[in-house]
Amino acid sequence: MDESSLTLWLTLQAIDGVGDRTLLKLIHAFGTPDAVLGATMDDLSSVGCSPELAESVRRGPESSIRRQIDRQVKVVERCKIQTVTFFDRAYPARLKAIPDPPPLLYVSGSFSPRDEVAVAIVGGRRATPSGRLITEEIAKDLAGCGVTIVSGLARGIDAAAHRGALMGKGRTIAVLGCGIDRTYPWEHHTLRRNIESYGAVISELPIGAAPQSHHFPRRNRIISGLSLGVLVGEAATDSGSLITAKLALEQGREVFAVPGSLKEEACRGSNRLIKEGAKLIEGAQDILDEILPQVDARQRATLHLDSTLIEVPVPLGKEETVVYEALSYEARSIDTIIGRTGLSAAEVSALLLSLELNGRIRQLPGQQYIRL
């Protein structure tokens, strides 16, 4: 979209009383934002506008708002941000079908036809190490099969989902709760750049919009709307990811959840989803079994369903087995492992390195180790 077209879109969006549904209704009726802004009072009344709304459209936004729009358009051009409207061919078809689709999306990176087969993975920001690893594994396996992973770039499960998709050399989409010219949280700047290289970062919010709390529930309808189903990893009872699950149900999407420890507060919300009917997920294949009936022949051709989801592990030596058996799917410190095995610190360190290189364990911060 060129500068003048974007300016007209943003001008119409900025008018008092013109929400998303009204904006789409007006453009459906008149064809373009320019035609809407040039319509007479009688024309606007004939498509259902109240006298007050028709007058607002005829008057347009205040001059201060117009200057703000000009600044936003210049940022879009300078940063080479794409804009995709509801009426463009590039607009995701599945998102278009939800009850309240965003009229305009800002996109950094690019959409692909492969994104028609997508699964959202969301969860708590305070995820446990095992929760993050399980999420990475599932996202990696799904991405390796050609499924696009959608999430929200937040700390915890969201970041693990994006990283897993990148590890699987697949596509991933991050939906922001702020303007696309911002990165939130800031420490995910490098992750964002990687996502842009292998997928897209998108936002419906205007340039410069801060990551305010009320933006995220609205953001979540886009995450679920882009997807065939939503997987909730670890989620506490107050997690925003439960809002995404609710929206997914309202949109007719599948809802999945990973079971977690009964004693772990971070898992209470996701465990409750399973009690309420969400499908219990132990691996990527469980999700594929549920979504493939929704995938037509053309979309199925983009998948790699011959990819094996079960890797044959490298056989372990005797001492490696001793150390491996001392580990768990919950993080354990190196001192705990030394105490459980009776081996020296040097021997345990060498064996842990060998197990990590073989892909059997992972080291976490603070010299903590966990099985994969």
Protein backbone atom coordinates (compact mmCIF):
# COMPACT_ATOMS: atom_id res chain seq x y z
CA MET A 1 0.00 0.00 0.00
CA ASP A 2 1.38 3.41 -0.94
CA GLU A 3 1.60 6.41 1.41
CA SER A 4 -1.56 8.12 0.19
CA SER A 5 -3.68 4.95 0.47
CA LEU A 6 -2.40 4.23 3.98
CA THR A 7 -3.07 7.83 5.01
CA LEU A 8 -6.70 7.46 3.89
CA TRP A 9 -7.10 4.17 5.77
CA LEU A 10 -5.68 5.64 8.97
CA THR A 11 -7.76 8.80 8.57
CA LEU A 12 -10.97 6.76 8.38
CA GLN A 13 -9.88 4.62 11.35
CA ALA A 14 -9.21 7.76 13.42
CA ILE A 15 -12.75 9.19 13.10
CA ASP A 16 -14.83 9.12 16.27
CA GLY A 17 -17.47 6.41 16.07
CA VAL A 18 -15.72 4.40 13.34
CA GLY A 19 -14.79 1.09 14.95
CA ASP A 20 -13.50 -1.97 13.10
CA ARG A 21 -16.91 -3.29 12.07
CA THR A 22 -18.18 0.12 10.97
CA LEU A 23 -15.00 0.72 8.97
CA LEU A 24 -15.36 -2.59 7.11
CA LYS A 25 -19.07 -1.96 6.54
CA LEU A 26 -18.36 1.47 5.04
CA ILE A 27 -15.62 0.23 2.73
CA HIS A 28 -17.82 -2.68 1.64
CA ALA A 29 -20.48 -0.11 0.75
CA PHE A 30 -18.32 2.54 -0.94
CA GLY A 31 -15.33 0.55 -2.18
CA THR A 32 -12.41 2.60 -0.80
CA PRO A 33 -11.64 4.81 2.21
CA ASP A 34 -11.34 7.76 -0.21
CA ALA A 35 -14.91 7.18 -1.40
CA VAL A 36 -16.16 6.95 2.19
CA LEU A 37 -14.46 10.20 3.16
CA GLY A 38 -15.90 11.90 0.08
CA ALA A 39 -19.46 10.62 0.59
CA THR A 40 -22.34 13.02 1.21
CA MET A 41 -24.52 13.01 4.32
CA ASP A 42 -27.30 11.40 2.29
CA ASP A 43 -24.94 8.71 0.96
CA LEU A 44 -23.76 7.89 4.46
CA SER A 45 -27.30 7.85 5.86
CA SER A 46 -28.35 5.44 3.10
CA VAL A 47 -25.91 2.77 4.41
CA GLY A 48 -27.10 3.07 8.00
CA CYS A 49 -24.93 5.84 9.48
CA SER A 50 -26.55 7.93 12.16
CA PRO A 51 -26.59 11.71 11.60
CA GLU A 52 -23.86 12.06 14.25
CA LEU A 53 -21.61 9.46 12.62
CA ALA A 54 -22.21 10.86 9.16
CA GLU A 55 -21.23 14.31 10.40
CA SER A 56 -18.05 12.88 12.01
CA VAL A 57 -17.07 11.25 8.73
CA ARG A 58 -17.72 14.43 6.77
CA ARG A 59 -15.71 16.46 9.29
CA GLY A 60 -12.81 13.99 9.57
CA PRO A 61 -10.27 13.82 12.41
CA GLU A 62 -8.80 16.89 14.08
CA SER A 63 -5.65 18.47 12.65
CA SER A 64 -3.52 17.13 15.52
CA ILE A 65 -4.64 13.59 14.65
CA ARG A 66 -3.87 14.20 10.99
CA ARG A 67 -0.31 15.24 11.89
CA GLN A 68 0.04 12.10 14.00
CA ILE A 69 -1.13 9.99 11.05
CA ASP A 70 1.47 11.63 8.81
CA ARG A 71 4.19 10.70 11.31
CA GLN A 72 2.95 7.11 11.46
CA VAL A 73 2.95 6.77 7.68
CA LYS A 74 6.54 8.06 7.53
CA VAL A 75 7.64 5.41 10.09
CA VAL A 76 5.95 2.68 8.03
CA GLU A 77 7.81 3.80 4.92
CA ARG A 78 11.15 4.29 6.65
CA CYS A 79 11.04 0.89 8.40
CA LYS A 80 9.73 -0.90 5.28
CA ILE A 81 6.73 -2.25 7.18
CA GLN A 82 4.06 -3.89 5.03
CA THR A 83 0.39 -3.09 5.51
CA VAL A 84 -2.25 -5.68 4.63
CA THR A 85 -5.95 -4.82 4.64
CA PHE A 86 -8.95 -7.09 5.03
CA PHE A 87 -9.60 -6.71 1.30
CA ASP A 88 -6.10 -7.71 0.12
CA ARG A 89 -5.37 -11.18 -1.27
CA ALA A 90 -2.47 -11.55 1.17
CA TYR A 91 -4.80 -11.23 4.18
CA PRO A 92 -4.97 -14.63 5.97
CA ALA A 93 -8.20 -16.39 4.96
CA ARG A 94 -8.72 -18.07 8.31
CA LEU A 95 -8.38 -14.76 10.19
CA LYS A 96 -10.86 -13.13 7.80
CA ALA A 97 -13.52 -15.61 8.95
CA ILE A 98 -13.55 -14.68 12.68
CA PRO A 99 -16.38 -12.46 13.99
CA ASP A 100 -14.18 -9.39 14.52
CA PRO A 101 -11.20 -9.47 12.13
CA PRO A 102 -8.71 -6.58 12.25
CA PRO A 103 -9.26 -4.34 9.20
CA LEU A 104 -5.55 -3.51 8.87
CA LEU A 105 -2.43 -5.48 9.80
CA TYR A 106 1.13 -4.18 10.02
CA VAL A 107 3.54 -6.90 8.93
CA SER A 108 7.30 -7.26 9.31
CA GLY A 109 8.52 -10.33 7.46
CA SER A 110 5.95 -11.96 5.20
CA PHE A 111 2.92 -14.23 5.07
CA SER A 112 3.09 -17.46 3.09
CA PRO A 113 0.43 -19.84 1.69
CA ARG A 114 1.96 -22.41 4.06
CA ASP A 115 0.57 -20.40 6.97
CA GLU A 116 -2.91 -21.73 6.19
CA VAL A 117 -1.91 -24.79 8.24
CA ALA A 118 -1.03 -23.20 11.56
CA VAL A 119 -1.23 -24.09 15.24
CA ALA A 120 -1.05 -21.54 18.05
CA ILE A 121 1.02 -22.37 21.12
CA VAL A 122 0.56 -20.15 24.17
CA GLY A 123 1.09 -20.37 27.91
CA GLY A 124 2.34 -18.70 31.04
CA ARG A 125 5.23 -16.28 31.26
CA ARG A 126 6.53 -17.97 34.42
CA ALA A 127 6.92 -21.40 32.85
CA THR A 128 9.07 -24.10 34.45
CA PRO A 129 12.21 -25.33 32.64
CA SER A 130 10.48 -28.61 31.79
CA GLY A 131 7.45 -26.74 30.45
CA ARG A 132 9.62 -24.67 28.14
CA LEU A 133 11.50 -27.74 26.90
CA ILE A 134 8.31 -29.70 26.18
CA THR A 135 6.94 -26.69 24.31
CA GLU A 136 10.12 -26.37 22.24
CA GLU A 137 9.98 -30.07 21.39
CA ILE A 138 6.35 -30.00 20.24
CA ALA A 139 6.83 -26.77 18.26
CA LYS A 140 9.99 -28.14 16.65
CA ASP A 141 8.25 -31.35 15.57
CA LEU A 142 5.19 -29.54 14.20
CA ALA A 143 7.34 -27.01 12.32
CA GLY A 144 9.43 -29.86 10.91
CA CYS A 145 6.21 -31.27 9.44
CA GLY A 146 5.40 -27.93 7.78
CA VAL A 147 2.96 -26.53 10.35
CA THR A 148 3.34 -22.80 11.06
CA ILE A 149 3.59 -21.95 14.77
CA VAL A 150 1.73 -18.85 15.98
CA SER A 151 2.35 -17.22 19.35
CA GLY A 152 2.69 -13.87 21.10
CA LEU A 153 6.46 -13.31 21.63
CA ALA A 154 5.91 -13.17 25.41
CA ARG A 155 8.29 -14.61 27.97
CA GLY A 156 7.99 -18.28 28.92
CA ILE A 157 5.90 -20.62 26.75
CA ASP A 158 5.42 -18.16 23.87
CA ALA A 159 9.16 -17.64 23.40
CA ALA A 160 9.76 -21.41 23.67
CA ALA A 161 7.17 -22.01 20.93
CA HIS A 162 8.87 -19.56 18.55
CA ARG A 163 12.32 -20.98 19.33
CA GLY A 164 11.10 -24.53 18.79
CA ALA A 165 9.66 -23.61 15.39
CA LEU A 166 12.96 -22.03 14.38
CA MET A 167 14.84 -25.12 15.61
CA GLY A 168 12.55 -27.20 13.39
CA LYS A 169 13.47 -24.98 10.41
CA GLY A 170 9.83 -24.05 10.00
CA ARG A 171 7.71 -20.90 9.89
CA THR A 172 6.47 -18.96 12.87
CA ILE A 173 4.28 -15.87 13.35
CA ALA A 174 4.45 -13.55 16.35
CA VAL A 175 1.42 -11.36 17.13
CA LEU A 176 2.33 -8.27 19.15
CA GLY A 177 0.34 -6.46 21.83
CA CYS A 178 2.03 -3.17 20.90
CA GLY A 179 2.86 -1.20 17.77
CA ILE A 180 5.01 -3.08 15.28
CA ASP A 181 7.74 -0.48 15.65
CA ARG A 182 8.27 -1.74 19.24
CA THR A 183 9.52 -5.05 20.63
CA TYR A 184 8.01 -6.30 23.87
CA PRO A 185 9.65 -7.67 25.91
CA TRP A 186 12.83 -5.94 24.75
CA GLU A 187 15.08 -8.94 25.50
CA HIS A 188 13.35 -10.78 22.66
CA HIS A 189 14.80 -8.39 20.07
CA THR A 190 17.08 -11.06 18.55
CA LEU A 191 14.29 -13.67 18.63
CA ARG A 192 12.05 -11.21 16.81
CA ARG A 193 14.63 -10.68 14.08
CA ASN A 194 14.91 -14.45 13.58
CA ILE A 195 11.12 -14.74 13.37
CA GLU A 196 11.01 -12.02 10.71
CA SER A 197 13.54 -14.01 8.66
CA TYR A 198 11.48 -17.22 8.81
CA GLY A 199 7.93 -15.96 9.12
CA ALA A 200 6.24 -12.75 10.22
CA VAL A 201 5.75 -10.37 13.12
CA ILE A 202 2.35 -8.67 12.97
CA SER A 203 0.23 -6.15 14.86
CA GLU A 204 -3.12 -4.44 14.36
CA LEU A 205 -2.16 -1.62 16.71
CA PRO A 206 -1.03 1.78 15.41
CA ILE A 207 2.60 2.76 15.13
CA GLY A 208 3.94 3.81 18.52
CA ALA A 209 1.28 1.97 20.57
CA ALA A 210 2.66 0.93 23.96
CA PRO A 211 2.23 -2.64 25.31
CA GLN A 212 -0.70 -1.79 27.58
CA SER A 213 -2.58 -4.53 29.43
CA HIS A 214 -5.87 -4.06 27.56
CA HIS A 215 -4.16 -4.68 24.21
CA PHE A 216 -3.33 -8.31 24.94
CA PRO A 217 -6.83 -9.85 25.18
CA ARG A 218 -7.61 -8.29 21.78
CA ARG A 219 -4.27 -9.52 20.44
CA ASN A 220 -5.19 -13.06 21.51
CA ARG A 221 -8.16 -13.29 19.12
CA ILE A 222 -5.68 -12.86 16.24
CA ILE A 223 -3.42 -15.62 17.58
CA SER A 224 -6.31 -18.09 17.70
CA GLY A 225 -7.87 -16.71 14.52
CA LEU A 226 -4.80 -17.51 12.44
CA SER A 227 -4.77 -21.13 13.62
CA LEU A 228 -6.52 -24.45 13.22
CA GLY A 229 -6.11 -25.08 16.93
CA VAL A 230 -4.57 -23.65 20.09
CA LEU A 231 -2.21 -25.58 22.37
CA VAL A 232 -1.93 -24.26 25.91
CA GLY A 233 1.33 -25.25 27.56
CA GLU A 234 1.88 -24.48 31.21
CA ALA A 235 -0.63 -21.89 32.36
CA ALA A 236 -1.57 -20.69 35.82
CA THR A 237 -5.19 -19.95 36.62
CA ASP A 238 -4.67 -16.23 35.94
CA SER A 239 -2.77 -16.70 32.66
CA GLY A 240 -3.88 -14.69 29.64
CA SER A 241 -3.42 -17.84 27.55
CA LEU A 242 -6.72 -19.09 29.00
CA ILE A 243 -8.38 -16.12 27.27
CA THR A 244 -6.85 -17.35 24.01
CA ALA A 245 -8.31 -20.81 24.65
CA LYS A 246 -11.76 -19.30 25.27
CA LEU A 247 -11.54 -17.26 22.09
CA ALA A 248 -10.45 -20.35 20.17
CA LEU A 249 -13.59 -22.19 21.28
CA GLU A 250 -15.76 -19.23 20.27
CA GLN A 251 -14.06 -19.23 16.84
CA GLY A 252 -14.62 -22.97 16.40
CA ARG A 253 -10.96 -23.90 16.81
CA GLU A 254 -9.56 -27.00 18.50
CA VAL A 255 -8.18 -26.53 22.02
CA PHE A 256 -5.31 -28.67 23.30
CA ALA A 257 -3.38 -28.66 26.57
CA VAL A 258 -0.21 -30.24 27.91
CA PRO A 259 -0.72 -31.92 31.32
CA GLY A 260 1.50 -30.68 34.14
CA SER A 261 2.33 -31.43 37.74
CA LEU A 262 -0.62 -31.39 40.12
CA LYS A 263 1.56 -29.57 42.65
CA GLU A 264 2.83 -26.87 40.28
CA GLU A 265 0.94 -23.57 40.35
CA ALA A 266 2.16 -22.85 36.81
CA CYS A 267 0.11 -25.83 35.55
CA ARG A 268 -3.21 -25.30 37.35
CA GLY A 269 -4.89 -23.42 34.50
CA SER A 270 -3.82 -25.79 31.72
CA ASN A 271 -4.74 -28.85 33.82
CA ARG A 272 -8.18 -27.31 34.38
CA LEU A 273 -8.63 -26.96 30.61
CA ILE A 274 -8.15 -30.72 30.28
CA LYS A 275 -10.78 -31.31 32.97
CA GLU A 276 -13.13 -29.07 31.00
CA GLY A 277 -12.63 -30.98 27.74
CA ALA A 278 -9.44 -29.75 26.08
CA LYS A 279 -7.59 -32.56 24.32
CA LEU A 280 -4.64 -33.87 26.32
CA ILE A 281 -1.42 -33.61 24.29
CA GLU A 282 1.74 -35.64 24.84
CA GLY A 283 3.45 -34.87 21.54
CA ALA A 284 3.11 -33.29 18.10
CA GLN A 285 1.48 -36.36 16.59
CA ASP A 286 -1.53 -35.93 18.88
CA ILE A 287 -2.10 -32.47 17.39
CA LEU A 288 -1.57 -33.64 13.80
CA ASP A 289 -4.16 -36.38 14.30
CA GLU A 290 -6.72 -33.73 15.27
CA ILE A 291 -6.02 -31.03 12.67
CA LEU A 292 -5.35 -33.09 9.53
CA PRO A 293 -9.07 -33.79 8.89
CA GLN A 294 -9.46 -29.99 8.52
CA VAL A 295 -6.67 -29.76 5.91
CA ASP A 296 -7.63 -30.03 2.24
CA ALA A 297 -5.52 -31.74 -0.43
CA ARG A 298 -3.87 -28.50 -1.56
CA GLN A 299 -2.84 -27.56 1.97
CA ARG A 300 -1.74 -31.13 2.77
CA ALA A 301 0.69 -30.95 -0.16
CA THR A 302 2.65 -28.27 1.73
CA LEU A 303 3.24 -30.58 4.71
CA HIS A 304 6.03 -33.08 5.30
CA LEU A 305 4.03 -35.87 6.88
CA ASP A 306 6.70 -38.45 6.13
CA SER A 307 8.94 -36.69 8.68
CA THR A 308 9.60 -38.95 11.63
CA LEU A 309 8.61 -37.51 14.99
CA ILE A 310 10.46 -40.18 16.95
CA GLU A 311 14.24 -40.03 16.88
CA VAL A 312 16.23 -43.16 17.70
CA PRO A 313 18.44 -42.20 20.67
CA VAL A 314 22.17 -42.82 20.67
CA PRO A 315 22.94 -45.82 22.96
CA LEU A 316 24.48 -44.79 26.27
CA GLY A 317 27.61 -46.16 27.88
CA LYS A 318 27.53 -47.64 31.38
CA GLU A 319 28.63 -44.48 33.21
CA GLU A 320 26.48 -42.24 30.98
CA THR A 321 23.49 -44.38 31.95
CA VAL A 322 24.28 -43.89 35.65
CA VAL A 323 24.28 -40.12 35.23
CA TYR A 324 21.23 -40.14 32.95
CA GLU A 325 19.25 -42.18 35.48
CA ALA A 326 20.16 -39.64 38.16
CA LEU A 327 18.45 -36.95 36.11
CA SER A 328 14.75 -36.16 35.75
CA TYR A 329 12.36 -34.17 33.58
CA GLU A 330 12.53 -31.62 36.38
CA ALA A 331 15.75 -29.60 36.70
CA ARG A 332 18.44 -30.96 39.03
CA SER A 333 21.68 -29.35 40.13
CA ILE A 334 25.10 -30.80 39.41
CA ASP A 335 25.63 -31.26 43.17
CA THR A 336 22.49 -33.40 43.34
CA ILE A 337 23.71 -35.51 40.43
CA ILE A 338 27.12 -36.00 42.05
CA GLY A 339 25.43 -37.08 45.27
CA ARG A 340 23.12 -39.54 43.48
CA THR A 341 25.85 -41.17 41.36
CA GLY A 342 28.80 -41.24 43.77
CA LEU A 343 31.04 -40.13 40.89
CA SER A 344 33.57 -37.32 41.15
CA ALA A 345 32.72 -33.79 40.04
CA ALA A 346 35.11 -34.07 37.08
CA GLU A 347 33.57 -37.38 35.94
CA VAL A 348 30.02 -36.05 36.23
CA SER A 349 30.90 -32.86 34.32
CA ALA A 350 32.43 -34.86 31.46
CA LEU A 351 29.49 -37.26 31.29
CA LEU A 352 26.96 -34.44 31.38
CA LEU A 353 28.74 -32.79 28.45
CA SER A 354 28.62 -36.06 26.50
CA LEU A 355 24.90 -36.48 27.20
CA GLU A 356 24.24 -32.90 26.14
CA LEU A 357 26.13 -33.35 22.86
CA ASN A 358 24.09 -36.49 22.20
CA GLY A 359 20.89 -34.51 22.65
CA ARG A 360 19.74 -36.45 25.71
CA ILE A 361 19.85 -33.60 28.25
CA ARG A 362 20.07 -29.83 28.41
CA GLN A 363 21.96 -27.52 30.72
CA LEU A 364 19.94 -24.73 32.30
CA PRO A 365 21.18 -21.57 34.05
CA GLY A 366 22.79 -22.15 37.45
CA GLN A 367 24.35 -25.50 36.53
CA GLN A 368 20.96 -27.20 36.44
CA TYR A 369 20.33 -30.14 34.12
CA ILE A 370 17.18 -31.71 32.72
CA ARG A 371 16.33 -34.71 30.56
CA LEU A 372 14.98 -34.17 27.04
